[in-house]
Amino acid sequence: MPMSTLATLAFIGAAGAAGTYLAMRPTVADGRVIAADLEASSKEATLSGVTCDREIPIGVRGAEFECTVKVKDGSTAKVRMSVNRAGQYQVVKILDSTPPSE
């Protein structure tokens, strides 16, 4: 087998191994970007702000993270959220909340 063929096969094998290694590592999303996306996609026009964990590791199945949601009436809620690999968000659990201010 010519040396160039062996070098080509070695390169393909190394590239495949590197790709597999990188694909298995979680992506880390910026919580500010997630918060802005949640706020922009909210059907509730009464939101006054959303803050989420600063770094959100996204694995093969997606991610779970916490956010604080502020509403214009003064109420707040701390929620555990999830996002799947397709980018669909879901509230998993309400961890804490405060009533509207008067």
N, C-alpha and C. Protein backbone atom coordinates (compact mmCIF):
# COMPACT_ATOMS: atom_id res chain seq x y z
N MET A 1 0.86 -1.16 0.00
CA MET A 1 0.00 0.00 0.00
C MET A 1 0.91 1.24 0.00
N PRO A 2 0.65 2.18 -0.90
CA PRO A 2 1.49 3.38 -0.98
C PRO A 2 1.40 4.20 0.31
N MET A 3 2.50 4.92 0.60
CA MET A 3 2.58 5.72 1.81
C MET A 3 1.52 6.81 1.84
N SER A 4 1.17 7.40 0.69
CA SER A 4 0.16 8.46 0.66
C SER A 4 -1.21 7.93 1.04
N THR A 5 -1.49 6.68 0.68
CA THR A 5 -2.77 6.07 1.06
C THR A 5 -2.83 5.86 2.57
N LEU A 6 -1.74 5.41 3.17
CA LEU A 6 -1.70 5.23 4.62
C LEU A 6 -1.85 6.56 5.34
N ALA A 7 -1.19 7.58 4.83
CA ALA A 7 -1.31 8.91 5.44
C ALA A 7 -2.74 9.43 5.35
N THR A 8 -3.39 9.19 4.22
CA THR A 8 -4.77 9.63 4.03
C THR A 8 -5.69 8.89 4.99
N LEU A 9 -5.52 7.60 5.13
CA LEU A 9 -6.34 6.82 6.05
C LEU A 9 -6.11 7.25 7.50
N ALA A 10 -4.86 7.54 7.86
CA ALA A 10 -4.55 8.00 9.21
C ALA A 10 -5.21 9.36 9.47
N PHE A 11 -5.18 10.24 8.47
CA PHE A 11 -5.81 11.55 8.62
C PHE A 11 -7.32 11.41 8.80
N ILE A 12 -7.95 10.56 8.00
CA ILE A 12 -9.40 10.35 8.10
C ILE A 12 -9.75 9.77 9.47
N GLY A 13 -8.96 8.82 9.95
CA GLY A 13 -9.21 8.24 11.27
C GLY A 13 -9.06 9.27 12.38
N ALA A 14 -8.02 10.10 12.29
CA ALA A 14 -7.81 11.13 13.32
C ALA A 14 -8.93 12.17 13.28
N ALA A 15 -9.35 12.57 12.09
CA ALA A 15 -10.44 13.55 11.97
C ALA A 15 -11.74 12.97 12.52
N GLY A 16 -12.01 11.71 12.26
CA GLY A 16 -13.21 11.07 12.78
C GLY A 16 -13.18 10.98 14.30
N ALA A 17 -12.02 10.63 14.87
CA ALA A 17 -11.90 10.54 16.32
C ALA A 17 -12.07 11.93 16.96
N ALA A 18 -11.47 12.94 16.36
CA ALA A 18 -11.61 14.30 16.89
C ALA A 18 -13.06 14.77 16.81
N GLY A 19 -13.73 14.47 15.72
CA GLY A 19 -15.13 14.85 15.57
C GLY A 19 -16.02 14.17 16.59
N THR A 20 -15.77 12.90 16.85
CA THR A 20 -16.53 12.16 17.86
C THR A 20 -16.30 12.74 19.24
N TYR A 21 -15.04 13.06 19.55
CA TYR A 21 -14.72 13.65 20.86
C TYR A 21 -15.43 14.99 21.04
N LEU A 22 -15.36 15.85 20.04
CA LEU A 22 -16.00 17.16 20.13
C LEU A 22 -17.52 17.07 20.19
N ALA A 23 -18.10 16.11 19.50
CA ALA A 23 -19.56 15.95 19.50
C ALA A 23 -20.07 15.49 20.87
N MET A 24 -19.23 14.83 21.64
CA MET A 24 -19.65 14.33 22.95
C MET A 24 -19.51 15.38 24.04
N ARG A 25 -18.81 16.45 23.78
CA ARG A 25 -18.63 17.51 24.78
C ARG A 25 -19.86 18.42 24.77
N PRO A 26 -20.30 18.86 25.96
CA PRO A 26 -21.48 19.73 25.98
C PRO A 26 -21.16 21.13 25.47
N THR A 27 -22.15 21.72 24.86
CA THR A 27 -22.06 23.11 24.45
C THR A 27 -22.47 23.95 25.65
N VAL A 28 -21.83 25.09 25.86
CA VAL A 28 -22.20 25.96 26.96
C VAL A 28 -22.82 27.23 26.37
N ALA A 29 -24.09 27.44 26.67
CA ALA A 29 -24.81 28.61 26.18
C ALA A 29 -24.68 29.75 27.18
N ASP A 30 -24.68 30.97 26.68
CA ASP A 30 -24.66 32.16 27.53
C ASP A 30 -26.08 32.41 28.04
N GLY A 31 -26.25 32.44 29.35
CA GLY A 31 -27.57 32.63 29.94
C GLY A 31 -28.24 33.93 29.53
N ARG A 32 -27.44 34.96 29.22
CA ARG A 32 -28.02 36.24 28.77
C ARG A 32 -28.71 36.08 27.43
N VAL A 33 -28.15 35.24 26.58
CA VAL A 33 -28.76 34.99 25.26
C VAL A 33 -30.05 34.20 25.43
N ILE A 34 -30.01 33.17 26.29
CA ILE A 34 -31.22 32.37 26.56
C ILE A 34 -32.31 33.26 27.14
N ALA A 35 -31.95 34.13 28.11
CA ALA A 35 -32.93 35.03 28.74
C ALA A 35 -33.55 35.96 27.71
N ALA A 36 -32.74 36.52 26.83
CA ALA A 36 -33.26 37.41 25.79
C ALA A 36 -34.19 36.66 24.84
N ASP A 37 -33.84 35.42 24.52
CA ASP A 37 -34.68 34.60 23.65
C ASP A 37 -36.02 34.29 24.32
N LEU A 38 -35.97 33.94 25.61
CA LEU A 38 -37.21 33.65 26.34
C LEU A 38 -38.10 34.89 26.42
N GLU A 39 -37.49 36.04 26.70
CA GLU A 39 -38.26 37.27 26.82
C GLU A 39 -38.89 37.65 25.47
N ALA A 40 -38.13 37.50 24.39
CA ALA A 40 -38.63 37.86 23.06
C ALA A 40 -39.73 36.90 22.59
N SER A 41 -39.63 35.64 22.99
CA SER A 41 -40.61 34.66 22.51
C SER A 41 -41.83 34.54 23.42
N SER A 42 -41.84 35.28 24.53
CA SER A 42 -42.94 35.18 25.47
C SER A 42 -44.22 35.77 24.88
N LYS A 43 -45.30 35.07 25.07
CA LYS A 43 -46.60 35.56 24.63
C LYS A 43 -47.15 36.58 25.62
N GLU A 44 -46.53 36.62 26.81
CA GLU A 44 -46.93 37.58 27.84
C GLU A 44 -46.21 38.90 27.60
N ALA A 45 -46.93 39.91 27.22
CA ALA A 45 -46.34 41.22 26.97
C ALA A 45 -46.05 41.97 28.26
N THR A 46 -46.40 41.37 29.39
CA THR A 46 -46.23 42.05 30.67
C THR A 46 -44.89 41.78 31.33
N LEU A 47 -43.99 41.03 30.70
CA LEU A 47 -42.69 40.75 31.29
C LEU A 47 -41.84 42.01 31.30
N SER A 48 -41.15 42.23 32.42
CA SER A 48 -40.23 43.37 32.48
C SER A 48 -38.78 42.92 32.50
N GLY A 49 -38.53 41.63 32.59
CA GLY A 49 -37.16 41.14 32.56
C GLY A 49 -37.06 39.66 32.85
N VAL A 50 -36.03 39.05 32.28
CA VAL A 50 -35.73 37.64 32.52
C VAL A 50 -34.21 37.53 32.71
N THR A 51 -33.78 36.86 33.76
CA THR A 51 -32.36 36.56 33.93
C THR A 51 -32.23 35.06 34.17
N CYS A 52 -31.19 34.48 33.58
CA CYS A 52 -30.96 33.04 33.71
C CYS A 52 -29.54 32.77 34.19
N ASP A 53 -29.27 31.52 34.56
CA ASP A 53 -27.91 31.13 34.95
C ASP A 53 -26.93 31.66 33.90
N ARG A 54 -25.77 32.10 34.34
CA ARG A 54 -24.79 32.71 33.43
C ARG A 54 -24.31 31.73 32.36
N GLU A 55 -23.98 30.49 32.77
CA GLU A 55 -23.53 29.47 31.82
C GLU A 55 -24.48 28.28 31.89
N ILE A 56 -24.94 27.85 30.73
CA ILE A 56 -25.90 26.75 30.66
C ILE A 56 -25.32 25.65 29.79
N PRO A 57 -24.83 24.55 30.40
CA PRO A 57 -24.30 23.45 29.60
C PRO A 57 -25.44 22.71 28.90
N ILE A 58 -25.31 22.55 27.60
CA ILE A 58 -26.31 21.84 26.81
C ILE A 58 -25.70 20.53 26.34
N GLY A 59 -26.27 19.43 26.81
CA GLY A 59 -25.78 18.10 26.45
C GLY A 59 -26.57 17.50 25.30
N VAL A 60 -26.42 16.22 25.15
CA VAL A 60 -27.09 15.50 24.06
C VAL A 60 -28.60 15.61 24.17
N ARG A 61 -29.12 15.61 25.39
CA ARG A 61 -30.58 15.67 25.59
C ARG A 61 -31.10 17.08 25.83
N GLY A 62 -30.24 18.08 25.79
CA GLY A 62 -30.66 19.45 26.04
C GLY A 62 -30.07 19.95 27.34
N ALA A 63 -30.83 20.77 28.08
CA ALA A 63 -30.31 21.36 29.31
C ALA A 63 -31.43 21.68 30.28
N GLU A 64 -31.06 21.78 31.55
CA GLU A 64 -31.94 22.31 32.60
C GLU A 64 -31.20 23.46 33.25
N PHE A 65 -31.91 24.53 33.56
CA PHE A 65 -31.30 25.72 34.13
C PHE A 65 -32.37 26.51 34.87
N GLU A 66 -31.93 27.52 35.63
CA GLU A 66 -32.87 28.34 36.40
C GLU A 66 -32.90 29.76 35.87
N CYS A 67 -34.09 30.35 35.91
CA CYS A 67 -34.28 31.74 35.50
C CYS A 67 -35.16 32.45 36.51
N THR A 68 -35.00 33.75 36.59
CA THR A 68 -35.89 34.60 37.37
C THR A 68 -36.66 35.46 36.38
N VAL A 69 -37.97 35.42 36.49
CA VAL A 69 -38.85 36.17 35.59
C VAL A 69 -39.49 37.31 36.38
N LYS A 70 -39.38 38.52 35.86
CA LYS A 70 -40.00 39.68 36.50
C LYS A 70 -41.14 40.17 35.61
N VAL A 71 -42.26 40.50 36.25
CA VAL A 71 -43.45 40.96 35.53
C VAL A 71 -43.67 42.43 35.87
N LYS A 72 -44.28 43.15 34.96
CA LYS A 72 -44.47 44.60 35.15
C LYS A 72 -45.30 44.95 36.38
N ASP A 73 -46.11 44.02 36.88
CA ASP A 73 -46.91 44.29 38.09
C ASP A 73 -46.09 44.14 39.37
N GLY A 74 -44.80 43.81 39.24
CA GLY A 74 -43.92 43.68 40.40
C GLY A 74 -43.73 42.26 40.88
N SER A 75 -44.50 41.32 40.39
CA SER A 75 -44.34 39.93 40.81
C SER A 75 -43.10 39.32 40.13
N THR A 76 -42.55 38.32 40.80
CA THR A 76 -41.40 37.60 40.26
C THR A 76 -41.60 36.11 40.45
N ALA A 77 -40.88 35.34 39.68
CA ALA A 77 -40.89 33.89 39.85
C ALA A 77 -39.52 33.36 39.49
N LYS A 78 -39.02 32.45 40.32
CA LYS A 78 -37.80 31.72 40.00
C LYS A 78 -38.24 30.36 39.51
N VAL A 79 -37.83 30.01 38.30
CA VAL A 79 -38.31 28.77 37.68
C VAL A 79 -37.14 27.92 37.19
N ARG A 80 -37.36 26.62 37.20
CA ARG A 80 -36.42 25.71 36.56
C ARG A 80 -36.96 25.45 35.16
N MET A 81 -36.12 25.68 34.18
CA MET A 81 -36.51 25.54 32.78
C MET A 81 -35.73 24.38 32.15
N SER A 82 -36.25 23.92 31.03
CA SER A 82 -35.49 22.96 30.21
C SER A 82 -35.57 23.43 28.76
N VAL A 83 -34.57 23.04 28.01
CA VAL A 83 -34.57 23.29 26.56
C VAL A 83 -34.07 22.01 25.91
N ASN A 84 -34.75 21.59 24.85
CA ASN A 84 -34.29 20.40 24.14
C ASN A 84 -33.35 20.80 23.01
N ARG A 85 -32.80 19.84 22.32
CA ARG A 85 -31.82 20.13 21.27
C ARG A 85 -32.45 20.90 20.11
N ALA A 86 -33.76 20.85 19.98
CA ALA A 86 -34.45 21.60 18.93
C ALA A 86 -34.70 23.05 19.33
N GLY A 87 -34.36 23.41 20.58
CA GLY A 87 -34.52 24.79 21.04
C GLY A 87 -35.88 25.11 21.63
N GLN A 88 -36.64 24.09 22.00
CA GLN A 88 -37.96 24.31 22.60
C GLN A 88 -37.83 24.40 24.11
N TYR A 89 -38.34 25.49 24.69
CA TYR A 89 -38.25 25.73 26.13
C TYR A 89 -39.49 25.22 26.84
N GLN A 90 -39.30 24.82 28.11
CA GLN A 90 -40.42 24.36 28.91
C GLN A 90 -40.12 24.68 30.38
N VAL A 91 -41.14 25.13 31.11
CA VAL A 91 -41.00 25.33 32.55
C VAL A 91 -41.12 23.95 33.21
N VAL A 92 -40.09 23.57 33.95
CA VAL A 92 -40.10 22.28 34.63
C VAL A 92 -40.74 22.41 36.01
N LYS A 93 -40.39 23.50 36.73
CA LYS A 93 -40.89 23.66 38.09
C LYS A 93 -40.78 25.12 38.50
N ILE A 94 -41.78 25.62 39.23
CA ILE A 94 -41.70 26.95 39.82
C ILE A 94 -41.06 26.77 41.19
N LEU A 95 -39.90 27.38 41.38
CA LEU A 95 -39.13 27.20 42.62
C LEU A 95 -39.52 28.21 43.70
N ASP A 96 -39.87 29.42 43.30
CA ASP A 96 -40.21 30.47 44.26
C ASP A 96 -40.96 31.56 43.51
N SER A 97 -41.77 32.32 44.22
CA SER A 97 -42.48 33.43 43.57
C SER A 97 -42.84 34.50 44.61
N THR A 98 -43.03 35.70 44.12
CA THR A 98 -43.50 36.79 44.97
C THR A 98 -44.74 37.38 44.33
N PRO A 99 -45.68 37.87 45.14
CA PRO A 99 -46.92 38.43 44.59
C PRO A 99 -46.67 39.82 43.97
N PRO A 100 -47.66 40.30 43.24
CA PRO A 100 -47.55 41.64 42.67
C PRO A 100 -47.38 42.69 43.78
N SER A 101 -46.61 43.73 43.47
CA SER A 101 -46.49 44.82 44.43
C SER A 101 -47.68 45.76 44.24
N GLU A 102 -48.00 46.47 45.26
CA GLU A 102 -49.19 47.34 45.20
C GLU A 102 -48.83 48.76 44.96
